[in-house]
Amino acid sequence: MELGVDRRAFQLVEEFERLAPRLDRAGGDLFVDWIGFAVEPAQRLRRRVDVFLFLGAEGLDRGQVGGVVQDRQRPAVGLDRGDLAAEDLVQDTDVGLLVGGRALPATAGDQADGEAGGKSAEEEGAAHRPTAHDSVRCHEEEAKPMSSEGRRALAALAEEVHRCRLCPRLVEWREAQAADPPRRYRGQEYWARPVSGFGDPEARVGIVGLAPAAHGANRTGRMFTGDRSGDWLYAALHRAGFANQPESEWRGDGLELRDAYITATVRCAPPANKPTPEERDTCLPYLQRELELLERCQVLIALGSFGWDGVLRAARALGVEVPRPRPKFGHGAEAEIGRWRLLGCYHPSQQNTFTGKLTEPMTDAVLERARELVA
């Protein structure tokens, strides 16, 4: 389960500790016993659902649930520790029936018809279950979720990227950097392979950079991880609600992206951050195939002119008509490219962030624009 309301992420309300004294039986942690894993914050989970459930009421008599709900009516949750409104909770001891298929809310079409007829929320709730205090808010998805075949294809593509040795200059460079790292990284095990994309397979926002950094992603094995550019980018993604945490230090550090996917035009660290045109063209099919597989992606954010050019080239390779004259890169620039809206953002390199060419408000504005476009 991941809990979300109106695409906001909330921490899971762990009711068991409060309800345990009322459960007069051993092993009463129904969530662990039935589901098979312990409760954890929603920020660590990969996907959201559209219903926020009040957990733990199964073990109570109907007369007891009201008092507990009253106690936890407005718990402090979320990244900003704000209040969760009471209407975002299901206050019903028959919660199992709500998700078991026997007392589900009406379909979106039925709800629309009911609203047209002037029914109140209470009347709608009474129509689909007799005694519930229903305040579930359901949201229709804009597109079908990625199929299991699509997920497997994306994972297979990542493995193919990791094995790639097509560009001899890049192979030699990335391995040489791992063999003789700066003093601050000595003793660390370098990834020293091409780096695949990272993020939510069902993302509606894609972010395309230039290439891994020699002692960033080439060291850690994850896009924009372990260097100052990544610190800047993930902090901005966290502020915008696309990431569950602002830090990105190493694979397995708990970072999750929500509705966002990060990739690059070139997958190996290049000398001086400058791939040759031949290396760019050799690597471009990986980006092309990622864009094919990310079926829900609607917005692409190009970090720098190299990422902008990579998106246009990959789109053309997919048979997408690129506007003429060719759209020019600029911070805040926008272009319609097939099914995508392409947004330009200065690359969060130290050259840009230290000089003030790219500021936090400028980065936040691009991400906010992406949010608006997929809302």
Foldseek 3Di string as FASTA:
>chain_A
DFEDEPLAGKFADDCCVVCVVVQPDPPPPCCCVPVPDDGGTNQLDAAYFQAREDPDLLRDDLVPLVVVCVVPQWFQIGPVSGTDHNLRYWRDNVVVCCPVPQQDFDDPVVVVVVVVVPDDPVVSNCVRPNDTPHRGDHDDDPDDAADPVLVVVLVVLQVVQQPDDPDVQLLVQLVVCQVDDPPVCPPAHFSSGFAFKDARLQAQEEEEEAEDASQACRGARYPLEQDPLSLLVQLLCVVLNQWSDSHHHHPPPSIHGYNYMYYYQAGGHHVVSDDDPVRSVVSLVSVLVSVVSNVNHAEYEYADPNSVVSVVVSLVVVVWDADPPHDDADQQDWDDIPRYIYHYHHRSDCVCDVVVVDDSVSSNVRSVVVVVVVD
